[in-house]
Amino acid sequence: MINILLFAHLQEALGESKLSVELSDVTVAQLKEWMEKRYPQLSLQQIMTAVNEEFATDTTIVKSGDTIAFIPPISGG
């Protein structure tokens, strides 16, 4: 099971701040694709990803027990 943390507009779009999914041994890119198919209201193309509190690339492998954070771009001034 993979634990997913959602922030800002992603959290608002799903009405949830945390999800758990039955996936394992997938890349971050595959996880994003799976999420967008399951939750079409999400767009994860410009989202930064952290795996176990470390920034990750789309080729990072996600395993069962990992915690993934999808972090939207931050702006402000």
PDB file of N, CA and C in Angstrom:
ATOM      1  N   MET A   1       0.844  -1.174   0.000  1.00  0.00           N
ATOM      2  CA  MET A   1       0.000   0.000   0.000  1.00  0.00           C
ATOM      3  C   MET A   1       0.892   1.241   0.000  1.00  0.00           C
ATOM      4  N   ILE A   2       0.514   2.202  -0.819  1.00  0.00           N
ATOM      5  CA  ILE A   2       1.219   3.474  -0.910  1.00  0.00           C
ATOM      6  C   ILE A   2       0.333   4.543  -0.273  1.00  0.00           C
ATOM      7  N   ASN A   3       0.923   5.359   0.572  1.00  0.00           N
ATOM      8  CA  ASN A   3       0.204   6.465   1.205  1.00  0.00           C
ATOM      9  C   ASN A   3       0.492   7.738   0.420  1.00  0.00           C
ATOM     10  N   ILE A   4      -0.553   8.473   0.088  1.00  0.00           N
ATOM     11  CA  ILE A   4      -0.423   9.681  -0.725  1.00  0.00           C
ATOM     12  C   ILE A   4      -0.949  10.869   0.065  1.00  0.00           C
ATOM     13  N   LEU A   5      -0.133  11.922   0.126  1.00  0.00           N
ATOM     14  CA  LEU A   5      -0.519  13.174   0.782  1.00  0.00           C
ATOM     15  C   LEU A   5      -0.811  14.211  -0.296  1.00  0.00           C
ATOM     16  N   LEU A   6      -1.916  14.921  -0.142  1.00  0.00           N
ATOM     17  CA  LEU A   6      -2.326  15.940  -1.104  1.00  0.00           C
ATOM     18  C   LEU A   6      -2.369  17.302  -0.422  1.00  0.00           C
ATOM     19  N   PHE A   7      -1.992  18.336  -1.168  1.00  0.00           N
ATOM     20  CA  PHE A   7      -1.950  19.685  -0.623  1.00  0.00           C
ATOM     21  C   PHE A   7      -2.665  20.662  -1.551  1.00  0.00           C
ATOM     22  N   ALA A   8      -3.053  21.796  -0.991  1.00  0.00           N
ATOM     23  CA  ALA A   8      -3.621  22.943  -1.721  1.00  0.00           C
ATOM     24  C   ALA A   8      -4.780  22.514  -2.623  1.00  0.00           C
ATOM     25  N   HIS A   9      -4.732  22.903  -3.906  1.00  0.00           N
ATOM     26  CA  HIS A   9      -5.866  22.648  -4.802  1.00  0.00           C
ATOM     27  C   HIS A   9      -6.100  21.161  -5.054  1.00  0.00           C
ATOM     28  N   LEU A  10      -5.069  20.332  -4.900  1.00  0.00           N
ATOM     29  CA  LEU A  10      -5.258  18.884  -5.067  1.00  0.00           C
ATOM     30  C   LEU A  10      -6.153  18.345  -3.952  1.00  0.00           C
ATOM     31  N   GLN A  11      -5.885  18.806  -2.753  1.00  0.00           N
ATOM     32  CA  GLN A  11      -6.697  18.412  -1.597  1.00  0.00           C
ATOM     33  C   GLN A  11      -8.139  18.898  -1.778  1.00  0.00           C
ATOM     34  N   GLU A  12      -8.291  20.119  -2.252  1.00  0.00           N
ATOM     35  CA  GLU A  12      -9.627  20.670  -2.468  1.00  0.00           C
ATOM     36  C   GLU A  12     -10.380  19.907  -3.555  1.00  0.00           C
ATOM     37  N   ALA A  13      -9.675  19.506  -4.613  1.00  0.00           N
ATOM     38  CA  ALA A  13     -10.313  18.796  -5.726  1.00  0.00           C
ATOM     39  C   ALA A  13     -10.877  17.448  -5.299  1.00  0.00           C
ATOM     40  N   LEU A  14     -10.178  16.758  -4.399  1.00  0.00           N
ATOM     41  CA  LEU A  14     -10.631  15.437  -3.965  1.00  0.00           C
ATOM     42  C   LEU A  14     -11.392  15.461  -2.651  1.00  0.00           C
ATOM     43  N   GLY A  15     -11.260  16.551  -1.905  1.00  0.00           N
ATOM     44  CA  GLY A  15     -11.899  16.603  -0.598  1.00  0.00           C
ATOM     45  C   GLY A  15     -11.223  15.700   0.414  1.00  0.00           C
ATOM     46  N   GLU A  16      -9.994  15.338   0.139  1.00  0.00           N
ATOM     47  CA  GLU A  16      -9.207  14.452   1.011  1.00  0.00           C
ATOM     48  C   GLU A  16      -7.787  14.996   1.104  1.00  0.00           C
ATOM     49  N   SER A  17      -7.145  14.811   2.243  1.00  0.00           N
ATOM     50  CA  SER A  17      -5.740  15.199   2.367  1.00  0.00           C
ATOM     51  C   SER A  17      -4.818  13.986   2.290  1.00  0.00           C
ATOM     52  N   LYS A  18      -5.387  12.791   2.459  1.00  0.00           N
ATOM     53  CA  LYS A  18      -4.595  11.557   2.431  1.00  0.00           C
ATOM     54  C   LYS A  18      -5.363  10.472   1.698  1.00  0.00           C
ATOM     55  N   LEU A  19      -4.622   9.669   0.954  1.00  0.00           N
ATOM     56  CA  LEU A  19      -5.178   8.497   0.284  1.00  0.00           C
ATOM     57  C   LEU A  19      -4.236   7.326   0.507  1.00  0.00           C
ATOM     58  N   SER A  20      -4.758   6.135   0.480  1.00  0.00           N
ATOM     59  CA  SER A  20      -3.945   4.922   0.476  1.00  0.00           C
ATOM     60  C   SER A  20      -4.377   4.103  -0.723  1.00  0.00           C
ATOM     61  N   VAL A  21      -3.399   3.663  -1.519  1.00  0.00           N
ATOM     62  CA  VAL A  21      -3.719   2.899  -2.727  1.00  0.00           C
ATOM     63  C   VAL A  21      -2.935   1.596  -2.735  1.00  0.00           C
ATOM     64  N   GLU A  22      -3.542   0.583  -3.328  1.00  0.00           N
ATOM     65  CA  GLU A  22      -2.941  -0.748  -3.405  1.00  0.00           C
ATOM     66  C   GLU A  22      -2.081  -0.863  -4.654  1.00  0.00           C
ATOM     67  N   LEU A  23      -0.977  -0.149  -4.676  1.00  0.00           N
ATOM     68  CA  LEU A  23      -0.010  -0.229  -5.765  1.00  0.00           C
ATOM     69  C   LEU A  23       1.363  -0.436  -5.156  1.00  0.00           C
ATOM     70  N   SER A  24       2.283  -0.943  -5.963  1.00  0.00           N
ATOM     71  CA  SER A  24       3.659  -1.107  -5.500  1.00  0.00           C
ATOM     72  C   SER A  24       4.563  -1.289  -6.706  1.00  0.00           C
ATOM     73  N   ASP A  25       5.816  -0.914  -6.541  1.00  0.00           N
ATOM     74  CA  ASP A  25       6.823  -1.068  -7.592  1.00  0.00           C
ATOM     75  C   ASP A  25       6.398  -0.399  -8.896  1.00  0.00           C
ATOM     76  N   VAL A  26       5.978   0.844  -8.778  1.00  0.00           N
ATOM     77  CA  VAL A  26       5.643   1.668  -9.936  1.00  0.00           C
ATOM     78  C   VAL A  26       6.522   2.916  -9.886  1.00  0.00           C
ATOM     79  N   THR A  27       6.698   3.557 -11.021  1.00  0.00           N
ATOM     80  CA  THR A  27       7.435   4.816 -11.026  1.00  0.00           C
ATOM     81  C   THR A  27       6.500   5.943 -10.599  1.00  0.00           C
ATOM     82  N   VAL A  28       7.091   7.066 -10.242  1.00  0.00           N
ATOM     83  CA  VAL A  28       6.291   8.249  -9.915  1.00  0.00           C
ATOM     84  C   VAL A  28       5.410   8.611 -11.111  1.00  0.00           C
ATOM     85  N   ALA A  29       5.963   8.537 -12.326  1.00  0.00           N
ATOM     86  CA  ALA A  29       5.180   8.854 -13.528  1.00  0.00           C
ATOM     87  C   ALA A  29       3.983   7.920 -13.665  1.00  0.00           C
ATOM     88  N   GLN A  30       4.180   6.631 -13.415  1.00  0.00           N
ATOM     89  CA  GLN A  30       3.074   5.675 -13.496  1.00  0.00           C
ATOM     90  C   GLN A  30       2.022   5.957 -12.425  1.00  0.00           C
ATOM     91  N   LEU A  31       2.469   6.333 -11.239  1.00  0.00           N
ATOM     92  CA  LEU A  31       1.534   6.668 -10.166  1.00  0.00           C
ATOM     93  C   LEU A  31       0.720   7.906 -10.529  1.00  0.00           C
ATOM     94  N   LYS A  32       1.375   8.929 -11.080  1.00  0.00           N
ATOM     95  CA  LYS A  32       0.658  10.132 -11.511  1.00  0.00           C
ATOM     96  C   LYS A  32      -0.381   9.787 -12.574  1.00  0.00           C
ATOM     97  N   GLU A  33       0.005   8.960 -13.537  1.00  0.00           N
ATOM     98  CA  GLU A  33      -0.916   8.553 -14.602  1.00  0.00           C
ATOM     99  C   GLU A  33      -2.114   7.799 -14.017  1.00  0.00           C
ATOM    100  N   TRP A  34      -1.851   6.890 -13.093  1.00  0.00           N
ATOM    101  CA  TRP A  34      -2.919   6.128 -12.441  1.00  0.00           C
ATOM    102  C   TRP A  34      -3.866   7.075 -11.696  1.00  0.00           C
ATOM    103  N   MET A  35      -3.284   8.037 -10.969  1.00  0.00           N
ATOM    104  CA  MET A  35      -4.097   8.995 -10.210  1.00  0.00           C
ATOM    105  C   MET A  35      -4.978   9.824 -11.140  1.00  0.00           C
ATOM    106  N   GLU A  36      -4.422  10.287 -12.264  1.00  0.00           N
ATOM    107  CA  GLU A  36      -5.193  11.116 -13.191  1.00  0.00           C
ATOM    108  C   GLU A  36      -6.320  10.325 -13.852  1.00  0.00           C
ATOM    109  N   LYS A  37      -6.108   9.033 -14.086  1.00  0.00           N
ATOM    110  CA  LYS A  37      -7.179   8.203 -14.655  1.00  0.00           C
ATOM    111  C   LYS A  37      -8.278   7.952 -13.624  1.00  0.00           C
ATOM    112  N   ARG A  38      -7.883   7.690 -12.407  1.00  0.00           N
ATOM    113  CA  ARG A  38      -8.861   7.399 -11.351  1.00  0.00           C
ATOM    114  C   ARG A  38      -9.581   8.668 -10.885  1.00  0.00           C
ATOM    115  N   TYR A  39      -8.856   9.779 -10.872  1.00  0.00           N
ATOM    116  CA  TYR A  39      -9.413  11.057 -10.422  1.00  0.00           C
ATOM    117  C   TYR A  39      -9.215  12.088 -11.539  1.00  0.00           C
ATOM    118  N   PRO A  40     -10.094  12.095 -12.545  1.00  0.00           N
ATOM    119  CA  PRO A  40      -9.897  12.961 -13.713  1.00  0.00           C
ATOM    120  C   PRO A  40      -9.877  14.456 -13.399  1.00  0.00           C
ATOM    121  N   GLN A  41     -10.342  14.846 -12.228  1.00  0.00           N
ATOM    122  CA  GLN A  41     -10.302  16.261 -11.855  1.00  0.00           C
ATOM    123  C   GLN A  41      -8.886  16.719 -11.477  1.00  0.00           C
ATOM    124  N   LEU A  42      -7.952  15.779 -11.346  1.00  0.00           N
ATOM    125  CA  LEU A  42      -6.568  16.121 -11.004  1.00  0.00           C
ATOM    126  C   LEU A  42      -5.734  16.325 -12.254  1.00  0.00           C
ATOM    127  N   SER A  43      -4.807  17.252 -12.178  1.00  0.00           N
ATOM    128  CA  SER A  43      -3.774  17.426 -13.194  1.00  0.00           C
ATOM    129  C   SER A  43      -2.444  17.458 -12.452  1.00  0.00           C
ATOM    130  N   LEU A  44      -1.632  16.439 -12.674  1.00  0.00           N
ATOM    131  CA  LEU A  44      -0.392  16.296 -11.907  1.00  0.00           C
ATOM    132  C   LEU A  44       0.859  16.577 -12.732  1.00  0.00           C
ATOM    133  N   GLN A  45       0.705  17.154 -13.921  1.00  0.00           N
ATOM    134  CA  GLN A  45       1.851  17.381 -14.799  1.00  0.00           C
ATOM    135  C   GLN A  45       2.863  18.375 -14.221  1.00  0.00           C
ATOM    136  N   GLN A  46       2.405  19.413 -13.556  1.00  0.00           N
ATOM    137  CA  GLN A  46       3.304  20.445 -13.022  1.00  0.00           C
ATOM    138  C   GLN A  46       3.551  20.288 -11.523  1.00  0.00           C
ATOM    139  N   ILE A  47       3.223  19.131 -10.991  1.00  0.00           N
ATOM    140  CA  ILE A  47       3.300  18.886  -9.556  1.00  0.00           C
ATOM    141  C   ILE A  47       4.655  18.299  -9.184  1.00  0.00           C
ATOM    142  N   MET A  48       5.249  18.812  -8.122  1.00  0.00           N
ATOM    143  CA  MET A  48       6.474  18.215  -7.592  1.00  0.00           C
ATOM    144  C   MET A  48       6.080  17.032  -6.726  1.00  0.00           C
ATOM    145  N   THR A  49       6.973  16.057  -6.658  1.00  0.00           N
ATOM    146  CA  THR A  49       6.686  14.841  -5.904  1.00  0.00           C
ATOM    147  C   THR A  49       7.799  14.574  -4.915  1.00  0.00           C
ATOM    148  N   ALA A  50       7.414  14.194  -3.712  1.00  0.00           N
ATOM    149  CA  ALA A  50       8.381  13.745  -2.707  1.00  0.00           C
ATOM    150  C   ALA A  50       8.029  12.307  -2.337  1.00  0.00           C
ATOM    151  N   VAL A  51       9.061  11.484  -2.212  1.00  0.00           N
ATOM    152  CA  VAL A  51       8.900  10.099  -1.764  1.00  0.00           C
ATOM    153  C   VAL A  51       9.627   9.986  -0.430  1.00  0.00           C
ATOM    154  N   ASN A  52       8.882   9.657   0.599  1.00  0.00           N
ATOM    155  CA  ASN A  52       9.453   9.549   1.947  1.00  0.00           C
ATOM    156  C   ASN A  52      10.229  10.807   2.335  1.00  0.00           C
ATOM    157  N   GLU A  53       9.611  11.963   2.067  1.00  0.00           N
ATOM    158  CA  GLU A  53      10.116  13.287   2.451  1.00  0.00           C
ATOM    159  C   GLU A  53      11.364  13.732   1.693  1.00  0.00           C
ATOM    160  N   GLU A  54      11.640  13.113   0.527  1.00  0.00           N
ATOM    161  CA  GLU A  54      12.745  13.553  -0.329  1.00  0.00           C
ATOM    162  C   GLU A  54      12.204  13.764  -1.729  1.00  0.00           C
ATOM    163  N   PHE A  55      12.564  14.910  -2.341  1.00  0.00           N
ATOM    164  CA  PHE A  55      12.080  15.175  -3.689  1.00  0.00           C
ATOM    165  C   PHE A  55      12.491  14.050  -4.622  1.00  0.00           C
ATOM    166  N   ALA A  56      11.590  13.720  -5.557  1.00  0.00           N
ATOM    167  CA  ALA A  56      11.791  12.585  -6.449  1.00  0.00           C
ATOM    168  C   ALA A  56      11.525  13.003  -7.893  1.00  0.00           C
ATOM    169  N   THR A  57      12.069  12.225  -8.820  1.00  0.00           N
ATOM    170  CA  THR A  57      11.812  12.434 -10.244  1.00  0.00           C
ATOM    171  C   THR A  57      10.735  11.461 -10.701  1.00  0.00           C
ATOM    172  N   ASP A  58      10.291  11.632 -11.932  1.00  0.00           N
ATOM    173  CA  ASP A  58       9.262  10.744 -12.474  1.00  0.00           C
ATOM    174  C   ASP A  58       9.746   9.308 -12.629  1.00  0.00           C
ATOM    175  N   THR A  59      11.055   9.086 -12.600  1.00  0.00           N
ATOM    176  CA  THR A  59      11.583   7.723 -12.759  1.00  0.00           C
ATOM    177  C   THR A  59      11.836   7.023 -11.423  1.00  0.00           C
ATOM    178  N   THR A  60      11.621   7.724 -10.316  1.00  0.00           N
ATOM    179  CA  THR A  60      11.803   7.125  -8.991  1.00  0.00           C
ATOM    180  C   THR A  60      10.791   6.001  -8.797  1.00  0.00           C
ATOM    181  N   ILE A  61      11.253   4.871  -8.269  1.00  0.00           N
ATOM    182  CA  ILE A  61      10.386   3.726  -8.000  1.00  0.00           C
ATOM    183  C   ILE A  61       9.703   3.911  -6.645  1.00  0.00           C
ATOM    184  N   VAL A  62       8.405   3.693  -6.633  1.00  0.00           N
ATOM    185  CA  VAL A  62       7.601   3.782  -5.416  1.00  0.00           C
ATOM    186  C   VAL A  62       7.240   2.364  -4.991  1.00  0.00           C
ATOM    187  N   LYS A  63       7.485   2.069  -3.721  1.00  0.00           N
ATOM    188  CA  LYS A  63       7.235   0.724  -3.203  1.00  0.00           C
ATOM    189  C   LYS A  63       6.157   0.753  -2.126  1.00  0.00           C
ATOM    190  N   SER A  64       5.636  -0.405  -1.829  1.00  0.00           N
ATOM    191  CA  SER A  64       4.648  -0.530  -0.763  1.00  0.00           C
ATOM    192  C   SER A  64       5.243   0.000   0.537  1.00  0.00           C
ATOM    193  N   GLY A  65       4.460   0.776   1.261  1.00  0.00           N
ATOM    194  CA  GLY A  65       4.916   1.366   2.514  1.00  0.00           C
ATOM    195  C   GLY A  65       5.467   2.769   2.359  1.00  0.00           C
ATOM    196  N   ASP A  66       5.727   3.202   1.115  1.00  0.00           N
ATOM    197  CA  ASP A  66       6.233   4.555   0.882  1.00  0.00           C
ATOM    198  C   ASP A  66       5.123   5.584   1.080  1.00  0.00           C
ATOM    199  N   THR A  67       5.541   6.794   1.437  1.00  0.00           N
ATOM    200  CA  THR A  67       4.624   7.927   1.526  1.00  0.00           C
ATOM    201  C   THR A  67       4.993   8.913   0.430  1.00  0.00           C
ATOM    202  N   ILE A  68       4.018   9.243  -0.390  1.00  0.00           N
ATOM    203  CA  ILE A  68       4.206  10.144  -1.517  1.00  0.00           C
ATOM    204  C   ILE A  68       3.480  11.446  -1.210  1.00  0.00           C
ATOM    205  N   ALA A  69       4.148  12.559  -1.451  1.00  0.00           N
ATOM    206  CA  ALA A  69       3.508  13.867  -1.316  1.00  0.00           C
ATOM    207  C   ALA A  69       3.488  14.527  -2.688  1.00  0.00           C
ATOM    208  N   PHE A  70       2.309  14.915  -3.137  1.00  0.00           N
ATOM    209  CA  PHE A  70       2.164  15.686  -4.367  1.00  0.00           C
ATOM    210  C   PHE A  70       2.074  17.150  -3.966  1.00  0.00           C
ATOM    211  N   ILE A  71       3.061  17.937  -4.416  1.00  0.00           N
ATOM    212  CA  ILE A  71       3.221  19.313  -3.957  1.00  0.00           C
ATOM    213  C   ILE A  71       3.017  20.270  -5.132  1.00  0.00           C
ATOM    214  N   PRO A  72       1.940  21.044  -5.120  1.00  0.00           N
ATOM    215  CA  PRO A  72       1.692  21.999  -6.197  1.00  0.00           C
ATOM    216  C   PRO A  72       2.719  23.133  -6.178  1.00  0.00           C
ATOM    217  N   PRO A  73       2.885  23.805  -7.326  1.00  0.00           N
ATOM    218  CA  PRO A  73       3.776  24.965  -7.357  1.00  0.00           C
ATOM    219  C   PRO A  73       3.314  26.017  -6.352  1.00  0.00           C
ATOM    220  N   ILE A  74       4.268  26.681  -5.757  1.00  0.00           N
ATOM    221  CA  ILE A  74       3.966  27.715  -4.767  1.00  0.00           C
ATOM    222  C   ILE A  74       4.310  29.064  -5.374  1.00  0.00           C
ATOM    223  N   SER A  75       3.392  30.007  -5.239  1.00  0.00           N
ATOM    224  CA  SER A  75       3.670  31.352  -5.724  1.00  0.00           C
ATOM    225  C   SER A  75       3.268  32.346  -4.652  1.00  0.00           C
ATOM    226  N   GLY A  76       3.746  33.503  -4.800  1.00  0.00           N
ATOM    227  CA  GLY A  76       3.407  34.538  -3.832  1.00  0.00           C
ATOM    228  C   GLY A  76       4.443  35.636  -3.877  1.00  0.00           C
ATOM    229  N   GLY A  77       4.315  36.563  -3.011  1.00  0.00           N
ATOM    230  CA  GLY A  77       5.248  37.658  -3.084  1.00  0.00           C
ATOM    231  C   GLY A  77       5.452  38.350  -1.836  1.00  0.00           C
TER     232      GLY A  77
END
